[in-house]
Protein backbone atom coordinates (compact mmCIF):
# COMPACT_ATOMS: atom_id res chain seq x y z
CA MET A 1 -133.20 120.87 42.06
CA ALA A 2 -131.60 121.35 45.29
CA GLY A 3 -128.50 122.87 45.66
CA ASN A 4 -126.84 120.22 47.69
CA PHE A 5 -126.54 116.57 46.66
CA TYR A 6 -125.75 115.47 50.38
CA SER A 7 -127.99 117.77 52.71
CA ASP A 8 -131.22 117.29 50.28
CA ASN A 9 -131.25 113.35 50.82
CA PRO A 10 -131.74 112.36 54.50
CA ASP A 11 -131.71 108.77 53.40
CA ILE A 12 -127.77 108.85 53.02
CA THR A 13 -127.58 110.59 56.48
CA PHE A 14 -129.56 107.76 57.91
CA HIS A 15 -127.57 105.00 56.53
CA LEU A 16 -124.52 106.71 57.54
CA ASP A 17 -125.68 107.16 60.96
CA HIS A 18 -127.07 103.34 61.38
CA LYS A 19 -125.08 101.12 59.12
CA ILE A 20 -121.73 102.62 59.69
CA LYS A 21 -120.07 101.29 62.83
CA MET A 22 -117.71 104.07 63.29
CA GLY A 23 -116.26 103.10 66.60
CA GLU A 24 -115.10 99.84 65.05
CA LEU A 25 -113.69 101.16 61.93
CA PHE A 26 -112.21 104.36 64.21
CA ALA A 27 -109.89 101.74 66.18
CA LEU A 28 -108.56 100.49 62.85
CA LEU A 29 -107.27 104.02 62.13
CA THR A 30 -103.44 105.19 62.64
CA GLU A 31 -102.79 108.28 64.28
CA GLU A 32 -102.14 110.28 61.10
CA GLU A 33 -105.46 108.82 59.64
CA LYS A 34 -107.26 110.52 62.41
CA ALA A 35 -104.97 113.42 62.62
CA CYS A 36 -106.53 114.22 58.72
CA PHE A 37 -109.68 114.94 60.49
CA ASP A 38 -108.46 116.09 63.48
CA ALA A 39 -110.55 113.65 65.27
CA ARG A 40 -109.94 112.36 68.56
CA ASP A 41 -112.95 109.55 68.83
CA ALA A 42 -115.49 107.99 66.77
CA GLY A 43 -118.14 110.43 66.89
CA GLY A 44 -115.51 113.56 65.96
CA TYR A 45 -114.65 111.50 62.75
CA MET A 46 -117.68 110.73 61.79
CA ARG A 47 -119.18 114.45 62.28
CA ALA A 48 -115.64 115.17 59.94
CA VAL A 49 -116.83 112.63 57.17
CA ALA A 50 -120.55 114.40 57.08
CA ASP A 51 -119.06 117.63 57.18
CA VAL A 52 -116.55 116.80 53.99
CA LEU A 53 -119.71 115.32 52.34
CA ASP A 54 -121.98 118.20 52.95
CA SER A 55 -119.30 120.49 51.27
CA PHE A 56 -119.23 118.08 48.73
CA GLY A 57 -122.96 118.46 47.76
CA PRO A 58 -123.07 121.70 46.15
CA ILE A 59 -120.03 120.67 43.84
CA CYS A 60 -122.46 117.42 42.61
CA HIS A 61 -124.77 119.98 41.89
CA GLU A 62 -122.67 122.22 39.80
CA ILE A 63 -121.18 119.30 38.15
CA ALA A 64 -124.84 118.21 37.22
CA SER A 65 -125.57 121.66 35.79
CA ARG A 66 -123.28 120.45 33.02
CA SER A 67 -124.05 116.97 32.28
CA HIS A 68 -125.92 117.88 29.18
CA GLU A 69 -122.80 119.26 27.93
CA ILE A 70 -120.64 116.57 28.57
CA ASP A 71 -123.43 113.98 27.15
CA ASP A 72 -123.24 116.32 23.72
CA ALA A 73 -119.37 116.45 23.78
CA GLU A 74 -117.55 114.37 22.07
CA ILE A 75 -113.62 113.04 23.06
CA LEU A 76 -111.51 113.24 19.84
CA LEU A 77 -108.52 110.69 19.13
CA GLU A 78 -105.81 112.76 17.18
CA ASN A 79 -102.36 111.26 16.52
CA GLY A 80 -102.67 108.96 19.27
CA LYS A 81 -103.64 111.20 21.68
CA GLU A 82 -107.33 111.94 23.38
CA LYS A 83 -108.70 115.35 23.51
CA ILE A 84 -110.78 115.40 26.16
CA PRO A 85 -114.01 118.26 26.06
CA PRO A 86 -113.09 121.52 28.19
CA VAL A 87 -116.26 120.95 30.36
CA LEU A 88 -115.04 117.52 31.37
CA SER A 89 -111.73 119.09 32.02
CA LYS A 90 -113.56 121.36 34.30
CA ASN A 91 -114.87 119.20 36.43
CA LEU A 92 -111.72 117.20 36.95
CA ASP A 93 -110.31 120.26 37.60
CA ILE A 94 -112.43 121.17 40.26
CA LEU A 95 -112.36 117.51 41.87
CA LEU A 96 -108.71 117.58 41.48
CA SER A 97 -108.50 121.14 43.68
CA LEU A 98 -110.60 119.42 45.89
CA GLY A 99 -108.30 116.62 46.77
CA PHE A 100 -111.03 114.16 45.72
CA THR A 101 -108.19 112.04 43.96
CA GLY A 102 -106.48 111.33 47.19
CA GLY A 103 -109.09 110.84 49.48
CA GLY A 104 -109.05 106.87 49.78
CA ILE A 105 -105.16 106.64 49.31
CA ALA A 106 -103.19 105.95 52.69
CA THR A 107 -101.58 109.15 54.06
CA GLU A 108 -98.16 107.63 53.88
CA TYR A 109 -98.41 108.06 50.15
CA GLY A 110 -100.03 111.79 50.43
CA GLY A 111 -103.77 110.69 50.83
CA PHE A 112 -106.15 111.05 53.16
CA GLY A 113 -106.78 107.72 54.30
CA ILE A 114 -110.61 107.86 54.40
CA PRO A 115 -112.55 104.48 54.47
CA PHE A 116 -114.08 103.23 51.59
CA PHE A 117 -117.79 104.06 52.69
CA CYS A 118 -116.98 108.00 52.57
CA GLU A 119 -115.73 107.19 48.92
CA MET A 120 -118.85 105.49 47.75
CA ALA A 121 -121.24 108.23 49.48
CA ALA A 122 -119.52 110.87 47.34
CA ALA A 123 -119.58 108.43 44.35
CA GLU A 124 -123.10 107.86 44.65
CA MET A 125 -123.59 111.81 44.82
CA LEU A 126 -121.06 112.39 41.97
CA ASN A 127 -122.87 109.70 39.94
CA ARG A 128 -126.34 111.74 40.85
CA ALA A 129 -124.72 114.11 39.06
CA CYS A 130 -123.05 113.04 36.18
CA PRO A 131 -121.88 109.37 35.28
CA SER A 132 -119.36 110.27 32.74
CA THR A 133 -117.66 112.57 35.23
CA ALA A 134 -117.72 110.26 38.23
CA ILE A 135 -116.55 107.43 36.39
CA THR A 136 -113.30 109.33 34.76
CA ALA A 137 -112.24 110.37 38.48
CA ASN A 138 -112.90 106.74 39.92
CA TRP A 139 -109.40 105.61 38.66
CA PHE A 140 -107.26 106.77 41.56
CA ALA A 141 -107.73 105.03 44.55
CA SER A 142 -108.82 102.20 43.58
CA ILE A 143 -105.69 101.89 41.21
CA ALA A 144 -103.78 102.52 44.49
CA ARG A 145 -105.09 100.00 46.95
CA VAL A 146 -103.73 97.27 43.96
CA ILE A 147 -100.69 98.70 43.85
CA GLU A 148 -100.33 99.27 47.72
CA LYS A 149 -101.46 95.63 48.31
CA TYR A 150 -99.25 93.75 45.54
CA GLY A 151 -96.80 96.26 44.63
CA SER A 152 -93.07 96.46 45.59
CA LYS A 153 -91.68 99.29 47.50
CA GLU A 154 -90.27 101.01 44.40
CA LEU A 155 -93.14 101.15 42.45
CA LYS A 156 -95.48 102.21 45.71
CA ASP A 157 -93.02 105.25 45.97
CA GLU A 158 -92.88 105.91 42.33
CA TYR A 159 -96.59 105.69 41.57
CA ILE A 160 -98.90 105.82 44.60
CA PRO A 161 -98.06 109.60 45.29
CA ARG A 162 -98.57 110.52 41.70
CA LEU A 163 -102.34 108.97 41.97
CA ALA A 164 -102.93 110.98 45.22
CA LYS A 165 -102.05 114.11 43.67
CA GLY A 166 -103.74 113.45 40.56
CA GLU A 167 -100.97 113.77 38.13
CA ILE A 168 -102.13 110.43 36.61
CA SER A 169 -104.79 107.73 36.76
CA GLY A 170 -105.23 104.03 36.06
CA ASN A 171 -107.50 101.74 34.65
CA MET A 172 -108.09 97.80 34.68
CA ALA A 173 -107.10 96.16 31.09
CA LEU A 174 -108.70 92.46 31.61
CA THR A 175 -110.90 92.53 28.23
CA GLU A 176 -109.77 91.60 24.83
CA PRO A 177 -111.48 91.15 21.83
CA ASP A 178 -112.15 87.10 21.79
CA ALA A 179 -112.03 87.28 25.63
CA GLY A 180 -114.40 89.19 27.93
CA SER A 181 -115.94 87.28 30.94
CA ASP A 182 -114.33 84.03 29.90
CA LEU A 183 -110.96 85.16 31.08
CA SER A 184 -109.45 81.74 30.09
CA GLY A 185 -109.14 83.02 26.70
CA ILE A 186 -107.00 85.82 27.17
CA LYS A 187 -104.05 85.96 24.40
CA THR A 188 -101.88 88.72 25.95
CA TYR A 189 -98.83 87.32 27.20
CA ALA A 190 -95.64 88.57 29.16
CA VAL A 191 -91.76 88.15 28.52
CA PRO A 192 -89.38 88.22 31.37
CA GLN A 193 -86.45 90.97 30.48
CA ASN A 194 -82.96 90.88 32.24
CA ASP A 195 -83.35 93.66 34.05
CA GLY A 196 -86.84 92.17 36.06
CA THR A 197 -89.28 93.74 33.94
CA TRP A 198 -91.46 92.32 31.47
CA THR A 199 -92.70 92.89 28.01
CA LEU A 200 -96.20 92.89 27.42
CA HIS A 201 -97.65 91.86 23.76
CA GLY A 202 -101.30 91.88 22.77
CA THR A 203 -104.34 93.64 22.45
CA LYS A 204 -107.30 95.19 25.09
CA ARG A 205 -110.53 96.41 24.12
CA PHE A 206 -113.24 97.98 26.07
CA ILE A 207 -111.04 99.43 28.47
CA THR A 208 -112.64 102.35 31.03
CA ASN A 209 -110.48 105.38 31.12
CA GLY A 210 -108.19 103.91 28.66
CA ALA A 211 -106.22 106.83 28.57
CA GLY A 212 -105.41 106.66 32.01
CA GLY A 213 -101.67 106.67 33.24
CA LEU A 214 -101.29 103.26 34.46
CA SER A 215 -102.91 99.98 32.89
CA LEU A 216 -103.16 96.92 35.60
CA VAL A 217 -102.56 94.60 32.77
CA LEU A 218 -103.66 90.55 33.28
CA ALA A 219 -101.68 88.84 31.16
CA LYS A 220 -100.15 85.07 30.50
CA SER A 221 -96.95 84.45 32.23
CA GLU A 222 -95.41 82.73 28.93
CA LYS A 223 -97.01 83.07 25.37
CA GLY A 224 -99.66 79.83 24.31
CA ALA A 225 -99.95 79.24 28.10
CA LEU A 226 -103.44 77.47 29.12
CA GLY A 227 -105.33 77.84 32.18
CA LEU A 228 -106.24 80.67 34.79
CA ASP A 229 -103.66 79.85 36.66
CA LYS A 230 -101.15 81.14 34.13
CA LEU A 231 -102.28 84.55 34.44
CA SER A 232 -100.32 87.46 36.00
CA LEU A 233 -101.09 90.90 37.03
CA PHE A 234 -98.58 93.57 35.74
CA LEU A 235 -98.55 97.57 35.91
CA CYS A 236 -97.56 99.12 32.81
CA PRO A 237 -97.30 102.80 32.49
CA ARG A 238 -98.59 104.63 29.49
CA LEU A 239 -95.73 106.78 28.95
CA LEU A 240 -91.90 105.93 30.01
CA ASP A 241 -89.19 108.78 29.43
CA GLY A 242 -92.10 111.24 27.65
CA LYS A 243 -92.54 108.11 25.07
CA ASP A 244 -95.56 106.16 24.37
CA ASN A 245 -95.22 102.73 25.96
CA ILE A 246 -98.77 101.89 25.31
CA LYS A 247 -100.93 102.48 22.15
CA LEU A 248 -104.04 104.33 22.00
CA LEU A 249 -105.43 102.44 19.07
CA LYS A 250 -109.40 103.88 19.34
CA ILE A 251 -111.68 105.27 21.51
CA GLU A 252 -115.43 103.77 21.09
CA LYS A 253 -118.36 105.37 20.26
CA LYS A 254 -120.89 104.55 22.68
CA VAL A 255 -124.81 104.59 23.47
CA GLY A 256 -124.09 106.46 26.64
CA LEU A 257 -121.01 107.86 29.03
CA HIS A 258 -120.07 109.89 26.11
CA GLY A 259 -117.50 111.81 28.86
CA SER A 260 -115.35 108.86 29.68
CA ILE A 261 -113.28 107.42 27.22
CA THR A 262 -113.09 103.85 26.41
CA ALA A 263 -110.49 102.57 24.37
CA GLU A 264 -108.93 99.90 22.82
CA LEU A 265 -104.80 99.59 23.81
CA ALA A 266 -101.77 98.11 22.09
CA TYR A 267 -98.91 96.40 24.06
CA ASP A 268 -96.49 95.74 21.62
CA GLY A 269 -93.47 95.13 23.98
CA ALA A 270 -94.87 97.74 26.32
CA LYS A 271 -92.38 97.85 29.49
CA ALA A 272 -93.98 96.10 32.45
CA TRP A 273 -93.62 95.67 36.22
CA LEU A 274 -94.80 92.17 37.79
CA LEU A 275 -97.72 92.78 40.85
CA GLY A 276 -97.46 90.23 43.40
CA GLU A 277 -96.22 86.90 42.62
CA LYS A 278 -96.13 85.22 39.36
CA ASN A 279 -99.24 83.17 38.10
CA ALA A 280 -101.49 84.62 40.97
CA GLY A 281 -102.81 87.43 38.45
CA PHE A 282 -106.68 85.83 38.25
CA ARG A 283 -106.98 85.67 42.36
CA TYR A 284 -105.73 89.11 42.42
CA MET A 285 -108.29 90.13 39.65
CA LEU A 286 -110.97 88.55 41.56
CA ASP A 287 -110.06 90.80 44.95
CA LEU A 288 -110.20 94.23 42.94
CA MET A 289 -112.91 93.12 41.01
CA ASN A 290 -115.18 92.47 44.13
CA GLU A 291 -114.24 96.40 45.18
CA SER A 292 -115.26 97.45 41.67
CA ARG A 293 -118.47 96.07 41.51
CA ILE A 294 -119.32 97.67 44.65
CA GLY A 295 -118.39 100.39 42.90
CA VAL A 296 -121.02 99.79 40.03
CA ALA A 297 -123.39 99.04 42.17
CA LEU A 298 -123.31 102.56 43.77
CA GLN A 299 -122.78 104.18 40.50
CA ALA A 300 -126.19 102.42 39.90
CA LEU A 301 -127.61 103.83 43.15
CA GLY A 302 -126.86 107.41 41.81
CA ILE A 303 -128.75 106.79 38.65
CA MET A 304 -131.58 105.29 40.59
CA GLU A 305 -131.70 108.54 42.87
CA ALA A 306 -131.41 111.26 39.66
CA THR A 307 -134.20 109.28 38.10
CA PHE A 308 -136.70 109.16 40.54
CA ARG A 309 -136.15 112.68 41.23
CA LEU A 310 -136.69 113.58 37.68
CA ALA A 311 -139.64 111.52 37.69
CA GLN A 312 -141.30 112.70 40.57
CA ASN A 313 -140.66 116.64 39.85
CA TYR A 314 -142.24 115.95 36.37
CA ALA A 315 -145.09 113.88 37.50
CA MET A 316 -145.71 116.67 39.94
CA GLU A 317 -145.88 119.53 37.85
CA ARG A 318 -147.69 117.77 34.62
CA LYS A 319 -151.19 118.15 35.05
CA THR A 320 -153.85 116.28 33.04
CA TRP A 321 -157.63 115.80 33.85
CA GLY A 322 -157.53 118.52 36.71
CA LYS A 323 -154.46 116.84 38.62
CA PRO A 324 -150.94 116.09 38.68
CA ILE A 325 -150.40 113.19 37.06
CA ALA A 326 -148.49 111.78 40.00
CA LYS A 327 -152.02 111.64 41.74
CA HIS A 328 -153.18 109.14 39.26
CA GLU A 329 -153.24 105.39 40.31
CA LEU A 330 -151.02 104.26 37.83
CA ILE A 331 -148.32 106.69 38.14
CA ALA A 332 -148.48 106.78 41.87
CA ASN A 333 -147.59 102.90 41.84
CA MET A 334 -145.02 103.48 39.39
CA LEU A 335 -143.13 106.22 41.55
CA LEU A 336 -143.96 104.29 45.10
CA ASP A 337 -142.24 101.33 43.35
CA MET A 338 -139.10 103.76 42.69
CA GLU A 339 -138.75 104.87 45.66
CA VAL A 340 -139.09 101.99 47.94
CA GLU A 341 -136.92 100.01 45.76
CA LEU A 342 -134.62 102.99 45.70
CA LYS A 343 -134.52 102.85 49.49
CA ALA A 344 -133.95 99.33 49.65
CA ALA A 345 -131.19 99.60 47.51
CA ARG A 346 -129.25 102.21 49.55
CA SER A 347 -129.83 99.95 52.60
CA LEU A 348 -128.29 97.09 51.35
CA CYS A 349 -125.44 99.10 49.54
CA TYR A 350 -124.43 101.04 52.69
CA GLU A 351 -124.23 97.33 54.87
CA THR A 352 -121.86 96.36 51.98
CA ILE A 353 -119.47 99.32 52.11
CA PHE A 354 -119.45 99.24 55.71
CA LEU A 355 -118.04 95.51 55.50
CA GLN A 356 -115.38 96.75 52.71
CA SER A 357 -114.28 99.65 54.64
CA MET A 358 -113.56 97.02 57.75
CA ARG A 359 -111.81 94.71 54.93
CA ASN A 360 -109.75 97.26 53.68
CA LEU A 361 -108.73 98.74 57.08
CA LEU A 362 -108.12 94.96 58.73
CA GLU A 363 -105.85 94.15 55.36
CA ARG A 364 -103.92 97.52 55.62
CA ARG A 365 -103.28 97.18 59.39
CA LEU A 366 -102.17 93.60 58.86
CA ARG A 367 -99.99 94.29 55.79
CA ASP A 368 -98.21 97.42 57.59
CA GLY A 369 -98.07 95.29 61.11
CA LYS A 370 -99.79 98.07 62.84
CA GLY A 371 -101.04 95.47 65.19
CA THR A 372 -99.58 94.05 68.24
CA ASP A 373 -98.58 90.54 68.43
CA THR A 374 -101.53 89.43 70.41
CA SER A 375 -103.93 90.94 68.25
CA ILE A 376 -102.95 89.85 64.88
CA PRO A 377 -105.04 86.49 65.18
CA MET A 378 -107.96 88.70 66.03
CA LEU A 379 -107.89 90.90 63.51
CA GLU A 380 -106.92 87.97 61.08
CA LYS A 381 -110.10 86.41 62.52
CA GLN A 382 -112.37 89.38 61.75
CA LEU A 383 -110.94 89.79 58.60
CA ALA A 384 -111.95 86.17 57.51
CA SER A 385 -115.24 86.98 58.54
CA VAL A 386 -115.94 90.28 57.13
CA THR A 387 -114.43 89.11 53.73
CA ARG A 388 -117.22 85.94 53.63
CA GLU A 389 -119.82 88.87 54.30
CA VAL A 390 -118.46 91.03 51.48
CA ARG A 391 -118.30 88.29 49.24
CA ALA A 392 -122.19 87.14 49.75
CA ARG A 393 -123.48 90.52 49.22
CA THR A 394 -121.30 91.57 46.31
CA PRO A 395 -123.04 89.84 43.45
CA LEU A 396 -126.29 90.62 45.11
CA ILE A 397 -126.07 94.49 45.15
CA LYS A 398 -123.97 94.50 41.87
CA TYR A 399 -127.01 92.35 39.99
CA TRP A 400 -129.89 93.99 41.63
CA LEU A 401 -129.10 97.58 41.35
CA SER A 402 -127.58 97.06 37.84
CA GLU A 403 -130.90 95.68 36.67
CA LYS A 404 -133.11 97.87 38.57
CA ALA A 405 -131.08 101.03 37.53
CA VAL A 406 -131.94 100.17 33.94
CA GLU A 407 -135.58 99.54 34.84
CA HIS A 408 -135.99 102.73 36.88
CA ALA A 409 -134.87 104.56 34.02
CA ARG A 410 -137.10 103.06 31.45
CA VAL A 411 -139.96 103.50 33.90
CA GLY A 412 -138.80 107.27 34.25
CA LEU A 413 -138.89 108.04 30.71
CA GLN A 414 -142.32 106.37 30.25
CA ILE A 415 -143.88 108.68 33.06
CA HIS A 416 -142.59 111.77 30.85
CA GLY A 417 -144.67 110.42 28.13
CA GLY A 418 -143.22 111.61 24.48
CA TYR A 419 -141.21 114.35 26.57
CA GLY A 420 -139.29 111.45 28.02
CA TYR A 421 -138.12 110.80 24.48
CA MET A 422 -136.52 114.23 24.18
CA HIS A 423 -132.85 114.84 24.69
CA GLU A 424 -133.71 118.06 26.13
CA TYR A 425 -135.55 116.17 29.16
CA LYS A 426 -132.39 114.44 30.36
CA ALA A 427 -135.18 110.95 30.87
CA GLU A 428 -133.40 109.34 27.91
CA TRP A 429 -129.91 110.49 28.44
CA LEU A 430 -130.50 108.64 32.24
CA LEU A 431 -131.65 105.53 30.37
CA ARG A 432 -128.61 105.59 28.15
CA GLU A 433 -126.19 106.08 31.24
CA ALA A 434 -127.93 103.14 33.09
CA LEU A 435 -127.38 100.48 30.17
CA ILE A 436 -123.83 99.96 30.91
CA TYR A 437 -124.32 98.73 34.59
CA PRO A 438 -125.39 95.04 34.13
CA LEU A 439 -122.69 94.80 30.89
CA TYR A 440 -119.29 95.91 32.50
CA GLU A 441 -117.31 94.84 35.84
CA GLY A 442 -118.99 91.52 35.09
CA THR A 443 -122.29 91.04 33.52
CA SER A 444 -125.69 90.12 35.60
CA GLN A 445 -125.27 86.81 34.55
CA ILE A 446 -121.80 86.20 35.70
CA GLN A 447 -123.27 87.76 39.37
CA ALA A 448 -126.04 85.22 39.03
CA LEU A 449 -123.57 82.48 38.36
CA MET A 450 -121.32 83.62 41.30
CA CYS A 451 -124.58 83.55 43.79
CA ILE A 452 -125.85 79.61 43.09
CA LYS A 453 -121.92 78.74 43.08
CA ASP A 454 -121.37 80.05 46.63
CA ALA A 455 -124.77 79.19 47.74
CA ILE A 456 -124.07 75.38 47.03
CA LYS A 457 -120.86 75.47 48.49
CA ASP A 458 -122.07 77.06 51.15
CA LEU A 459 -124.43 74.18 51.82
CA ILE A 460 -122.63 71.44 51.09
CA LYS A 461 -119.89 72.98 54.15
CA ASN A 462 -122.93 73.50 56.43
CA PRO A 463 -126.27 71.69 55.55
CA ARG A 464 -127.88 72.19 58.89
CA VAL A 465 -127.47 76.14 58.96
CA LEU A 466 -130.16 75.96 55.60
CA PHE A 467 -131.94 73.04 57.49
CA ASP A 468 -132.70 74.92 60.70
CA ARG A 469 -133.31 78.43 58.63
CA THR A 470 -135.61 76.84 56.30
CA LEU A 471 -137.71 74.95 59.26
CA ARG A 472 -137.51 78.16 61.18
CA GLY A 473 -138.84 80.26 58.59
CA THR A 474 -141.51 78.04 58.26
CA VAL A 475 -142.55 78.34 62.05
CA HIS A 476 -142.19 81.88 61.87
CA SER A 477 -144.21 82.37 58.82
CA PHE A 478 -147.33 81.29 60.99
CA VAL A 479 -146.64 82.29 64.54
CA LYS A 480 -145.08 85.82 63.94
CA ARG A 481 -148.05 88.41 64.44
CA ASP A 482 -146.35 91.29 62.93
CA VAL A 483 -147.01 91.64 58.91
CA VAL A 484 -143.35 92.66 58.33
CA GLN A 485 -141.76 90.12 60.10
CA ARG A 486 -144.27 86.96 59.05
CA LYS A 487 -143.71 88.10 55.25
CA PHE A 488 -139.95 88.19 56.00
CA SER A 489 -139.94 84.70 57.31
CA GLN A 490 -141.99 83.44 54.47
CA ILE A 491 -139.58 84.73 52.19
CA LYS A 492 -136.26 83.34 53.60
CA GLU A 493 -138.54 80.16 53.75
CA ILE A 494 -138.77 80.05 50.00
CA THR A 495 -135.28 80.76 49.61
CA GLY A 496 -134.16 77.77 51.73
CA LYS A 497 -136.63 75.84 49.53
CA ALA A 498 -135.60 77.25 46.23
CA LEU A 499 -132.29 75.90 47.01
CA LEU A 500 -132.87 72.46 47.91
CA VAL A 501 -134.91 71.87 45.04
CA ILE A 502 -131.75 73.07 42.73
CA VAL A 503 -129.72 70.68 44.52
CA TYR A 504 -132.35 67.76 43.90
CA LYS A 505 -132.15 68.33 40.64
CA LEU A 506 -128.18 68.38 40.42
CA VAL A 507 -128.41 64.73 42.66
CA LYS A 508 -130.83 63.59 40.43
CA LEU A 509 -129.29 64.41 37.26
CA ASN A 510 -125.75 63.26 38.09
CA ALA A 511 -126.37 60.54 40.75
CA LYS A 512 -128.55 57.89 38.95
CA GLY A 513 -129.80 54.76 40.87
CA THR A 514 -128.41 56.20 44.50
CA GLY A 515 -132.17 56.37 45.33
CA VAL A 516 -132.35 60.04 45.37
CA GLU A 517 -136.24 60.26 45.25
CA LYS A 518 -136.13 58.51 48.66
CA VAL A 519 -134.49 61.57 50.13
CA LYS A 520 -136.47 64.34 48.46
CA ARG A 521 -137.89 65.72 51.60
CA ASN A 522 -134.98 65.34 53.51
CA PRO A 523 -132.79 68.26 53.56
CA LEU A 524 -129.85 66.85 55.26
CA ALA A 525 -129.49 63.43 53.65
CA LEU A 526 -130.16 65.01 50.28
CA VAL A 527 -127.01 67.22 50.82
CA ARG A 528 -125.07 64.41 52.26
CA MET A 529 -125.36 62.81 48.63
CA LEU A 530 -124.31 65.87 47.21
CA ASN A 531 -121.20 65.40 49.23
CA LEU A 532 -120.57 62.03 48.83
CA LYS A 533 -116.92 61.59 47.63
CA ASN A 534 -117.49 59.35 44.49
CA LEU A 535 -120.52 61.90 43.19
CA LYS A 536 -119.16 63.72 39.98
CA ILE A 537 -121.48 66.45 39.21
CA GLN A 538 -120.54 66.59 35.50
CA ASP A 539 -123.61 68.28 34.45
CA LEU A 540 -124.31 71.60 36.25
CA SER A 541 -127.11 72.90 33.75
CA PRO A 542 -130.06 72.57 36.99
CA ALA A 543 -128.01 75.51 38.69
CA LEU A 544 -127.14 77.14 35.76
CA LEU A 545 -130.49 76.97 33.97
CA GLN A 546 -131.81 79.10 37.69
CA ALA A 547 -129.01 80.99 38.55
CA GLU A 548 -130.59 84.12 37.81
CA ASN A 549 -133.80 83.16 39.14
CA PHE A 550 -132.16 82.12 42.43
CA CYS A 551 -129.87 85.13 42.37
CA GLU A 552 -132.85 87.66 42.33
CA LEU A 553 -134.59 85.74 45.45
CA ARG A 554 -131.35 85.97 47.19
CA CYS A 555 -131.34 90.09 46.49
CA ILE A 556 -134.89 90.02 47.85
CA GLU A 557 -133.84 87.98 51.17
CA ALA A 558 -131.13 90.29 51.37
CA LEU A 559 -132.87 93.43 50.73
CA ALA A 560 -135.90 92.48 52.97
CA SER A 561 -133.41 91.25 56.03
CA SER A 562 -131.63 95.23 55.30
CA LEU A 563 -135.18 96.97 55.53
CA VAL A 564 -136.41 95.20 58.27
CA SER A 565 -133.63 95.63 60.45
CA ASP A 566 -134.09 99.64 59.69
CA SER A 567 -137.59 99.80 60.52
CA THR A 568 -136.13 98.09 64.05
CA MET A 569 -133.68 100.93 64.38
CA ASP A 570 -136.52 103.74 63.50
CA PRO A 571 -140.16 102.35 63.25
CA SER A 572 -141.00 105.51 61.19
CA ARG A 573 -139.09 103.54 58.26
CA LYS A 574 -141.40 100.40 58.69
CA TRP A 575 -143.46 101.18 55.99
CA ILE A 576 -140.55 100.90 53.48
CA ALA A 577 -139.91 97.47 54.59
CA GLU A 578 -143.75 96.81 54.55
CA ARG A 579 -144.38 97.90 50.66
CA PHE A 580 -140.96 96.07 49.75
CA LEU A 581 -142.54 92.81 50.91
CA PHE A 582 -146.16 93.73 50.07
CA LYS A 583 -144.52 93.45 46.19
CA ALA A 584 -141.69 90.99 47.06
CA LEU A 585 -143.67 87.63 48.41
CA PRO A 586 -145.26 87.33 45.26
CA ARG A 587 -142.48 87.79 43.03
CA ALA A 588 -140.30 85.66 45.44
CA THR A 589 -143.29 82.86 45.09
CA TYR A 590 -143.09 83.55 41.24
CA LEU A 591 -139.73 82.57 41.10
CA TYR A 592 -139.96 79.48 43.18
CA SER A 593 -142.45 78.19 40.71
CA LEU A 594 -139.95 78.89 38.18
CA ILE A 595 -137.29 77.12 39.89
CA LYS A 596 -139.89 73.96 40.91
CA ALA A 597 -140.72 73.80 37.19
CA GLU A 598 -138.78 71.89 34.30
CA ASP A 599 -138.25 73.96 31.05
CA ARG A 600 -138.43 71.00 28.61
CA ILE A 601 -138.18 72.92 25.53
CA LEU A 602 -135.29 74.85 26.56
CA ARG A 603 -133.45 71.66 27.78
CA GLU A 604 -133.74 69.94 24.19
CA ARG A 605 -132.73 73.55 22.62
CA LEU A 606 -129.39 73.15 24.68
CA LEU A 607 -129.21 69.38 23.55
CA HIS A 608 -129.35 69.91 19.95
């Protein structure tokens, strides 16, 4: 294993150079933020970021050398207090000494104010080294940004500097014993107090970093209230005046992430402060979850990198029938799939983290009033645009990387053969670590539902865009001479047609007697029917049944688009796009066939 997790990965530097539009970001930085890196222009700032990541690379290598110790160690709960293994404490102390905790926190609170993309590049490297350490170190800047966005001045001044120094960390307390993805089932409730504070009552389960010093708690604004519009977001410290405010009931024993505390927490009259407006908690939660889901995608990317390197190194060293198994056709095909899908994943991820960096900085500038009166409308327009772009990409990278991380880890174990099943070779460890990604911060199925919902909403708002896009895709698939461009156009055409099939099924099921059969092949007329005011879509099953198939199609399209763009910027990368599309087009065709088909047996099963 190379000694620097940054310099040994030129793919990261390519995307930092080509996907991160530093000039746009630099224009949004304050003088204090620029001064933290002693940067006078965008190029100087980017060189400083590269230096930081290059310095962080050897630290990640060192942490990776202890990852097996962390996996073997155990976090104990004694008298309501967690007992952290020394090896994990050593890793966290190193990160704390580097100022890692204050990286993404605003300079006015003692942080460095680095853009989100730099945080995520570091997160990828750290997760490649040790997922348990990475996720434990993830709860400083992300929590600070929520408090900065929605908290009072008093809360900001009290807690954000402590997060920047690493004195405390945080967690998001959403899940309950009977309420996971369905947040309307939350039973934890809050009671207002005369002094302006609130008390929380209820239990939260499966809380990542549950022993952190601050909980961001989603709770009903009053006991027994119904509906998502009755949820509020609260800041609840674990300790007040040296005494427990939150009770740590249990530390879960998990398949993986053994060095990360997943806890059950009790809020029995815990003192808390309202963040933002009452009853706006669900909206705030969606906002903070979006960034968290991007973070999970970068975690999965780190695992994919670690898995590929481990499998490739083993396959080059292991010999059978007189040659390395990496030179046997079946293993070579597995490794090439892993490499290309890894590069495709990073390409789309780095597009997304640039956009989220823009979003964070635009929100900060609008919030602190740094823009001039004449620039504020322009900043608001720019924010709306990047927010739409981020929202479109987030469920795709969360879905695709979560699923691929597990798939790659499984293939990596297979390449190791019997050795992969043994603890000492790390292949089985990577598989166990990867299993969490399709589950937390919104399951893969939740991401698929978000994808199909947004696609239909966008289609209703602007049906001509899809019509024109599908038509152009059909034409380009015939006239484009370049094989990469032609296959990409075919995938765009397939994705557009798949959405129209789903819309047709929706209208047909919910608009009986409206002549839907006559407009089956007329996209504009079909969408107009979907948009009729007197048409009530009560049965969403055609969309729900095909949500994952359509989401995967959208992922393939987005990944292909990103790779085609890469090959335009650097022709030496064209082989990546060509190989990806070679495998992706048949897959897209298969998914389209599933979307068109009628699964009579499943529908009957759902009806009974």
